[in-house]
Amino acid sequence: MRTLRLLLFLALIVIVQVTVFPHLRWLGVVPDLGLLVAVAVGYREGPEAGALVGFIAGLCYDLFLETPLGFSALAYALVGYGVGTLQAGMLRSPRWLPPFLGAAGGFVGGLVLLTIGTLVGVDAVKGTHGFVTISLAALYDMLLAPFVFFLVSKVLPERRPTGITWTVR
């Protein structure tokens, strides 16, 4: 049931990303909602789940882009895995963490996209304009991160252990 809810949520996120947010540009950039979902799932469920969700979200988003297929999928998967690994070492999560992770994830994801794009010869990522763009997109991601983290917490509620009961003797 959790998997189905997550897949439907990812489909909704990709649809909103490609239909609504191109019209809601802020300083000429749009946020990476799929990347934010990968960051939130990686933080909540661990590195493997973050990588898998990032790959699926990125692959679905790649279907609408003119870049090579798997370009965003690789970047989103790496960032989701990285956030999940980082979360494993944390004892508690402060209130400012979702915006910070949104900004850091957006910036690192953008850097991964720029690096991979440069290596494979994608013309759209060449030049210094890319750094300004990913910085602005990371700020946009930072603003939307608390909302996406909240939605992920509703889509993926805490798992309750089954079959374990505590009795007092």
C-alpha atoms as a PDB file:
ATOM      1  CA  MET A   1       0.000   0.000   0.000  1.00  0.00           C
ATOM      2  CA  ARG A   2       2.861   2.368   0.843  1.00  0.00           C
ATOM      3  CA  THR A   3       4.517   1.620  -2.488  1.00  0.00           C
ATOM      4  CA  LEU A   4       1.342   2.318  -4.433  1.00  0.00           C
ATOM      5  CA  ARG A   5       0.779   5.599  -2.592  1.00  0.00           C
ATOM      6  CA  LEU A   6       4.380   6.606  -3.250  1.00  0.00           C
ATOM      7  CA  LEU A   7       4.150   5.771  -6.967  1.00  0.00           C
ATOM      8  CA  LEU A   8       0.924   7.773  -7.307  1.00  0.00           C
ATOM      9  CA  PHE A   9       2.545  10.645  -5.432  1.00  0.00           C
ATOM     10  CA  LEU A  10       5.563  10.524  -7.765  1.00  0.00           C
ATOM     11  CA  ALA A  11       3.272  10.579 -10.797  1.00  0.00           C
ATOM     12  CA  LEU A  12       1.501  13.626  -9.360  1.00  0.00           C
ATOM     13  CA  ILE A  13       4.797  15.355  -8.618  1.00  0.00           C
ATOM     14  CA  VAL A  14       6.090  14.809 -12.167  1.00  0.00           C
ATOM     15  CA  ILE A  15       2.828  16.058 -13.655  1.00  0.00           C
ATOM     16  CA  VAL A  16       2.928  19.194 -11.487  1.00  0.00           C
ATOM     17  CA  GLN A  17       6.614  19.674 -12.334  1.00  0.00           C
ATOM     18  CA  VAL A  18       6.064  19.640 -16.097  1.00  0.00           C
ATOM     19  CA  THR A  19       2.676  21.372 -16.287  1.00  0.00           C
ATOM     20  CA  VAL A  20       2.430  23.913 -13.447  1.00  0.00           C
ATOM     21  CA  PHE A  21       5.940  24.984 -12.489  1.00  0.00           C
ATOM     22  CA  PRO A  22       7.087  26.111 -15.934  1.00  0.00           C
ATOM     23  CA  HIS A  23       4.488  28.868 -15.472  1.00  0.00           C
ATOM     24  CA  LEU A  24       5.664  29.627 -11.913  1.00  0.00           C
ATOM     25  CA  ARG A  25       9.245  30.513 -12.736  1.00  0.00           C
ATOM     26  CA  TRP A  26      11.084  32.494 -10.102  1.00  0.00           C
ATOM     27  CA  LEU A  27      14.001  34.512 -11.500  1.00  0.00           C
ATOM     28  CA  GLY A  28      13.880  32.281 -14.558  1.00  0.00           C
ATOM     29  CA  VAL A  29      14.234  28.935 -12.752  1.00  0.00           C
ATOM     30  CA  VAL A  30      11.914  26.167 -11.616  1.00  0.00           C
ATOM     31  CA  PRO A  31      12.394  23.856  -8.627  1.00  0.00           C
ATOM     32  CA  ASP A  32      13.225  20.160  -8.902  1.00  0.00           C
ATOM     33  CA  LEU A  33      10.230  18.602  -7.182  1.00  0.00           C
ATOM     34  CA  GLY A  34      11.353  15.062  -7.985  1.00  0.00           C
ATOM     35  CA  LEU A  35      14.708  15.793  -6.396  1.00  0.00           C
ATOM     36  CA  LEU A  36      12.988  17.172  -3.304  1.00  0.00           C
ATOM     37  CA  VAL A  37      10.890  14.014  -3.020  1.00  0.00           C
ATOM     38  CA  ALA A  38      14.046  11.896  -3.339  1.00  0.00           C
ATOM     39  CA  VAL A  39      15.691  13.962  -0.594  1.00  0.00           C
ATOM     40  CA  ALA A  40      12.647  13.657   1.671  1.00  0.00           C
ATOM     41  CA  VAL A  41      12.277   9.908   1.108  1.00  0.00           C
ATOM     42  CA  GLY A  42      16.025   9.364   1.541  1.00  0.00           C
ATOM     43  CA  TYR A  43      15.894  11.270   4.821  1.00  0.00           C
ATOM     44  CA  ARG A  44      12.801   9.439   6.042  1.00  0.00           C
ATOM     45  CA  GLU A  45      13.334   5.894   4.733  1.00  0.00           C
ATOM     46  CA  GLY A  46      17.089   5.544   4.190  1.00  0.00           C
ATOM     47  CA  PRO A  47      19.608   5.586   1.344  1.00  0.00           C
ATOM     48  CA  GLU A  48      18.231   2.718  -0.753  1.00  0.00           C
ATOM     49  CA  ALA A  49      14.703   4.113  -0.766  1.00  0.00           C
ATOM     50  CA  GLY A  50      16.013   7.613  -1.549  1.00  0.00           C
ATOM     51  CA  ALA A  51      18.059   6.313  -4.463  1.00  0.00           C
ATOM     52  CA  LEU A  52      15.185   4.250  -5.859  1.00  0.00           C
ATOM     53  CA  VAL A  53      12.652   7.071  -5.583  1.00  0.00           C
ATOM     54  CA  GLY A  54      15.179   9.514  -7.027  1.00  0.00           C
ATOM     55  CA  PHE A  55      15.857   7.247  -9.974  1.00  0.00           C
ATOM     56  CA  ILE A  56      12.154   6.716 -10.715  1.00  0.00           C
ATOM     57  CA  ALA A  57      11.319  10.427 -10.343  1.00  0.00           C
ATOM     58  CA  GLY A  58      14.292  11.464 -12.468  1.00  0.00           C
ATOM     59  CA  LEU A  59      13.526   8.905 -15.159  1.00  0.00           C
ATOM     60  CA  CYS A  60       9.910  10.064 -15.377  1.00  0.00           C
ATOM     61  CA  TYR A  61      11.063  13.682 -15.562  1.00  0.00           C
ATOM     62  CA  ASP A  62      13.634  12.784 -18.234  1.00  0.00           C
ATOM     63  CA  LEU A  63      10.804  11.671 -20.507  1.00  0.00           C
ATOM     64  CA  PHE A  64       9.787  15.336 -20.822  1.00  0.00           C
ATOM     65  CA  LEU A  65      13.272  16.801 -21.307  1.00  0.00           C
ATOM     66  CA  GLU A  66      15.524  17.036 -24.334  1.00  0.00           C
ATOM     67  CA  THR A  67      18.527  15.748 -22.403  1.00  0.00           C
ATOM     68  CA  PRO A  68      19.703  12.125 -22.634  1.00  0.00           C
ATOM     69  CA  LEU A  69      17.407   9.614 -20.937  1.00  0.00           C
ATOM     70  CA  GLY A  70      18.636   8.837 -17.434  1.00  0.00           C
ATOM     71  CA  PHE A  71      20.407  12.174 -17.028  1.00  0.00           C
ATOM     72  CA  SER A  72      18.195  13.448 -14.205  1.00  0.00           C
ATOM     73  CA  ALA A  73      17.593   9.930 -12.929  1.00  0.00           C
ATOM     74  CA  LEU A  74      21.256   9.452 -12.103  1.00  0.00           C
ATOM     75  CA  ALA A  75      21.557  12.832 -10.386  1.00  0.00           C
ATOM     76  CA  TYR A  76      18.373  12.379  -8.334  1.00  0.00           C
ATOM     77  CA  ALA A  77      19.381   8.845  -7.308  1.00  0.00           C
ATOM     78  CA  LEU A  78      22.829   9.965  -6.160  1.00  0.00           C
ATOM     79  CA  VAL A  79      21.422  12.834  -4.109  1.00  0.00           C
ATOM     80  CA  GLY A  80      18.658  10.670  -2.569  1.00  0.00           C
ATOM     81  CA  TYR A  81      21.244   8.060  -1.591  1.00  0.00           C
ATOM     82  CA  GLY A  82      23.571  10.706  -0.172  1.00  0.00           C
ATOM     83  CA  VAL A  83      20.866  12.263   1.990  1.00  0.00           C
ATOM     84  CA  GLY A  84      19.812   8.839   3.260  1.00  0.00           C
ATOM     85  CA  THR A  85      23.403   8.059   4.196  1.00  0.00           C
ATOM     86  CA  LEU A  86      23.782  11.433   5.914  1.00  0.00           C
ATOM     87  CA  GLN A  87      20.567  10.912   7.866  1.00  0.00           C
ATOM     88  CA  ALA A  88      21.793   7.597   9.253  1.00  0.00           C
ATOM     89  CA  GLY A  89      24.392   9.442  11.326  1.00  0.00           C
ATOM     90  CA  MET A  90      21.976  11.959  12.842  1.00  0.00           C
ATOM     91  CA  LEU A  91      20.575  11.584  16.339  1.00  0.00           C
ATOM     92  CA  ARG A  92      17.764  14.103  15.993  1.00  0.00           C
ATOM     93  CA  SER A  93      16.485  16.402  13.306  1.00  0.00           C
ATOM     94  CA  PRO A  94      16.277  20.126  14.012  1.00  0.00           C
ATOM     95  CA  ARG A  95      13.425  22.223  12.697  1.00  0.00           C
ATOM     96  CA  TRP A  96      15.604  23.975  10.097  1.00  0.00           C
ATOM     97  CA  LEU A  97      16.752  20.711   8.530  1.00  0.00           C
ATOM     98  CA  PRO A  98      14.165  20.331   5.678  1.00  0.00           C
ATOM     99  CA  PRO A  99      14.942  23.756   4.135  1.00  0.00           C
ATOM    100  CA  PHE A 100      18.665  23.116   4.504  1.00  0.00           C
ATOM    101  CA  LEU A 101      18.398  19.674   2.909  1.00  0.00           C
ATOM    102  CA  GLY A 102      16.236  21.116   0.128  1.00  0.00           C
ATOM    103  CA  ALA A 103      18.828  23.779  -0.669  1.00  0.00           C
ATOM    104  CA  ALA A 104      21.814  21.454  -0.315  1.00  0.00           C
ATOM    105  CA  GLY A 105      20.113  18.684  -2.300  1.00  0.00           C
ATOM    106  CA  GLY A 106      19.099  21.101  -5.031  1.00  0.00           C
ATOM    107  CA  PHE A 107      22.602  22.545  -5.265  1.00  0.00           C
ATOM    108  CA  VAL A 108      24.386  19.183  -5.221  1.00  0.00           C
ATOM    109  CA  GLY A 109      21.866  17.725  -7.680  1.00  0.00           C
ATOM    110  CA  GLY A 110      22.447  20.686  -9.982  1.00  0.00           C
ATOM    111  CA  LEU A 111      26.203  20.252  -9.731  1.00  0.00           C
ATOM    112  CA  VAL A 112      25.855  16.560 -10.580  1.00  0.00           C
ATOM    113  CA  LEU A 113      23.712  17.476 -13.597  1.00  0.00           C
ATOM    114  CA  LEU A 114      26.261  20.062 -14.727  1.00  0.00           C
ATOM    115  CA  THR A 115      29.145  17.635 -14.298  1.00  0.00           C
ATOM    116  CA  ILE A 116      27.459  14.757 -16.098  1.00  0.00           C
ATOM    117  CA  GLY A 117      26.173  17.099 -18.809  1.00  0.00           C
ATOM    118  CA  THR A 118      29.641  18.463 -19.408  1.00  0.00           C
ATOM    119  CA  LEU A 119      31.112  14.966 -19.567  1.00  0.00           C
ATOM    120  CA  VAL A 120      28.577  13.665 -22.085  1.00  0.00           C
ATOM    121  CA  GLY A 121      28.547  16.845 -24.157  1.00  0.00           C
ATOM    122  CA  VAL A 122      25.112  18.347 -23.475  1.00  0.00           C
ATOM    123  CA  ASP A 123      25.264  21.851 -24.930  1.00  0.00           C
ATOM    124  CA  ALA A 124      22.677  23.331 -22.556  1.00  0.00           C
ATOM    125  CA  VAL A 125      24.934  23.014 -19.481  1.00  0.00           C
ATOM    126  CA  LYS A 126      28.064  24.694 -20.812  1.00  0.00           C
ATOM    127  CA  GLY A 127      29.232  28.034 -19.459  1.00  0.00           C
ATOM    128  CA  THR A 128      29.072  29.783 -16.098  1.00  0.00           C
ATOM    129  CA  HIS A 129      25.356  30.515 -16.416  1.00  0.00           C
ATOM    130  CA  GLY A 130      24.685  27.014 -15.049  1.00  0.00           C
ATOM    131  CA  PHE A 131      26.097  27.833 -11.610  1.00  0.00           C
ATOM    132  CA  VAL A 132      23.827  30.848 -11.251  1.00  0.00           C
ATOM    133  CA  THR A 133      20.857  28.793 -12.398  1.00  0.00           C
ATOM    134  CA  ILE A 134      21.451  25.935  -9.955  1.00  0.00           C
ATOM    135  CA  SER A 135      22.034  28.388  -7.109  1.00  0.00           C
ATOM    136  CA  LEU A 136      18.692  30.076  -7.767  1.00  0.00           C
ATOM    137  CA  ALA A 137      16.973  26.708  -8.199  1.00  0.00           C
ATOM    138  CA  ALA A 138      18.462  25.569  -4.871  1.00  0.00           C
ATOM    139  CA  LEU A 139      16.912  28.611  -3.181  1.00  0.00           C
ATOM    140  CA  TYR A 140      13.564  27.756  -4.774  1.00  0.00           C
ATOM    141  CA  ASP A 141      13.977  24.159  -3.563  1.00  0.00           C
ATOM    142  CA  MET A 142      14.727  25.474  -0.072  1.00  0.00           C
ATOM    143  CA  LEU A 143      11.427  27.358  -0.015  1.00  0.00           C
ATOM    144  CA  LEU A 144       9.412  24.319  -1.149  1.00  0.00           C
ATOM    145  CA  ALA A 145      11.259  21.685   0.926  1.00  0.00           C
ATOM    146  CA  PRO A 146       9.165  21.962   4.146  1.00  0.00           C
ATOM    147  CA  PHE A 147       5.985  21.482   2.116  1.00  0.00           C
ATOM    148  CA  VAL A 148       7.403  18.459   0.243  1.00  0.00           C
ATOM    149  CA  PHE A 149       8.718  16.917   3.483  1.00  0.00           C
ATOM    150  CA  PHE A 150       5.241  17.342   4.993  1.00  0.00           C
ATOM    151  CA  LEU A 151       3.599  15.678   1.986  1.00  0.00           C
ATOM    152  CA  VAL A 152       6.057  12.774   2.087  1.00  0.00           C
ATOM    153  CA  SER A 153       5.307  12.290   5.797  1.00  0.00           C
ATOM    154  CA  LYS A 154       1.611  11.986   4.907  1.00  0.00           C
ATOM    155  CA  VAL A 155       2.249   9.639   1.967  1.00  0.00           C
ATOM    156  CA  LEU A 156       4.653   7.449   3.974  1.00  0.00           C
ATOM    157  CA  PRO A 157       3.376   7.281   7.561  1.00  0.00           C
ATOM    158  CA  GLU A 158       5.481   5.629  10.235  1.00  0.00           C
ATOM    159  CA  ARG A 159       5.522   1.862  10.091  1.00  0.00           C
ATOM    160  CA  ARG A 160       4.067   0.141  13.119  1.00  0.00           C
ATOM    161  CA  PRO A 161       5.695  -3.111  14.161  1.00  0.00           C
ATOM    162  CA  THR A 162       3.328  -6.007  13.656  1.00  0.00           C
ATOM    163  CA  GLY A 163       3.091  -9.062  15.853  1.00  0.00           C
ATOM    164  CA  ILE A 164       5.004  -7.588  18.774  1.00  0.00           C
ATOM    165  CA  THR A 165       3.132  -7.149  22.007  1.00  0.00           C
ATOM    166  CA  TRP A 166       4.455  -6.208  25.390  1.00  0.00           C
ATOM    167  CA  THR A 167       2.858  -7.691  28.414  1.00  0.00           C
ATOM    168  CA  VAL A 168       3.573  -7.197  32.083  1.00  0.00           C
ATOM    169  CA  ARG A 169       3.919 -10.325  34.168  1.00  0.00           C
END
